[in-house]
């Protein structure tokens, strides 16, 4: 009976490790920000919402805004224009 439980446990563990270590195919968009926008591009931001992303390699710490063309903009949370824009959005 204990060998059966051990076998099932090892099978589940190997499935978890396999799924966790899979990466996005080459050429596809990563599921997170891995690079930040250079310069002030606040004019491209639409809406009144944003989200924050923690740094977990390969992802970098970022503030993510939506743009007019339906894409996401990854911005440096330490940039002054980002601080100003998020403060403005938070006041609303």
Protein backbone atom coordinates (compact mmCIF):
# COMPACT_ATOMS: atom_id res chain seq x y z
CA UNK A 1 0.00 0.00 0.00
CA UNK A 2 2.79 2.47 0.83
CA UNK A 3 4.51 1.86 -2.54
CA UNK A 4 1.26 2.77 -4.30
CA UNK A 5 1.01 6.05 -2.35
CA UNK A 6 4.67 6.82 -3.00
CA UNK A 7 4.21 6.19 -6.73
CA UNK A 8 1.20 8.48 -6.92
CA UNK A 9 3.04 11.18 -4.96
CA UNK A 10 6.06 11.00 -7.27
CA UNK A 11 3.80 11.15 -10.32
CA UNK A 12 2.02 14.26 -9.04
CA UNK A 13 5.30 15.90 -8.08
CA UNK A 14 6.79 15.30 -11.53
CA UNK A 15 3.68 16.77 -13.18
CA UNK A 16 3.93 19.89 -11.01
CA UNK A 17 7.63 20.36 -11.78
CA UNK A 18 7.07 19.81 -15.49
CA UNK A 19 4.22 22.33 -15.73
CA UNK A 20 5.96 24.92 -13.57
CA UNK A 21 9.19 24.90 -15.57
CA UNK A 22 7.57 25.24 -18.99
CA UNK A 23 8.37 28.47 -20.80
CA UNK A 24 6.61 30.44 -23.51
CA UNK A 25 7.56 29.39 -27.04
CA UNK A 26 10.26 31.48 -28.75
CA UNK A 27 8.87 34.58 -30.43
CA UNK A 28 5.77 34.76 -28.25
CA UNK A 29 4.92 37.60 -25.88
CA UNK A 30 5.97 36.83 -22.29
CA UNK A 31 3.14 36.81 -19.72
CA UNK A 32 4.78 39.69 -17.87
CA UNK A 33 6.90 42.80 -18.36
CA UNK A 34 10.54 41.93 -18.95
CA UNK A 35 11.53 45.41 -20.15
CA UNK A 36 10.39 48.95 -19.34
CA UNK A 37 9.34 51.80 -21.62
CA UNK A 38 11.89 54.57 -22.01
CA UNK A 39 10.69 58.15 -21.64
CA UNK A 40 7.33 59.71 -20.87
CA UNK A 41 4.59 58.05 -22.91
CA UNK A 42 1.67 59.08 -20.74
CA UNK A 43 -0.16 60.33 -23.87
CA UNK A 44 -0.54 56.70 -25.00
CA UNK A 45 -2.26 55.65 -21.75
CA UNK A 46 -6.04 55.26 -21.82
CA UNK A 47 -8.47 54.61 -19.00
CA UNK A 48 -8.17 55.26 -15.32
CA UNK A 49 -6.68 51.99 -14.14
CA UNK A 50 -3.27 50.43 -13.83
CA UNK A 51 -1.73 47.44 -12.14
CA UNK A 52 1.58 46.82 -10.44
CA UNK A 53 3.87 43.91 -11.19
CA UNK A 54 6.43 42.59 -8.70
CA UNK A 55 9.93 41.64 -9.79
CA UNK A 56 10.12 37.87 -10.25
CA UNK A 57 12.71 36.97 -12.90
CA UNK A 58 12.40 37.18 -15.80
CA UNK A 59 9.68 39.72 -14.92
CA UNK A 60 10.74 43.18 -13.75
CA UNK A 61 9.08 45.55 -11.30
CA UNK A 62 6.66 47.63 -13.36
CA UNK A 63 3.46 49.64 -13.48
CA UNK A 64 1.28 48.39 -16.33
CA UNK A 65 -1.07 50.73 -18.17
CA UNK A 66 -3.47 50.07 -21.06
CA UNK A 67 -2.93 51.89 -24.35
CA UNK A 68 -5.32 53.06 -27.05
CA UNK A 69 -4.38 50.21 -29.38
CA UNK A 70 -5.32 47.56 -26.80
CA UNK A 71 -1.78 46.74 -25.72
CA UNK A 72 -0.13 47.02 -22.34
CA UNK A 73 2.58 49.53 -21.51
CA UNK A 74 5.25 48.52 -19.00
CA UNK A 75 6.53 51.58 -17.15
CA UNK A 76 9.21 52.22 -14.55
CA UNK A 77 7.47 52.71 -11.18
CA UNK A 78 10.26 55.10 -10.13
CA UNK A 79 9.76 57.46 -13.10
CA UNK A 80 8.19 60.76 -12.10
CA UNK A 81 5.57 60.71 -14.89
CA UNK A 82 4.44 57.25 -13.70
CA UNK A 83 4.14 58.48 -10.11
CA UNK A 84 2.16 61.53 -11.27
CA UNK A 85 -0.18 59.48 -13.46
CA UNK A 86 -0.88 56.81 -10.85
CA UNK A 87 -1.52 59.51 -8.23
CA UNK A 88 -3.99 61.19 -10.61
CA UNK A 89 -5.74 57.84 -11.27
CA UNK A 90 -5.92 57.07 -7.56
CA UNK A 91 -7.60 60.41 -6.79
CA UNK A 92 -10.46 59.72 -9.21
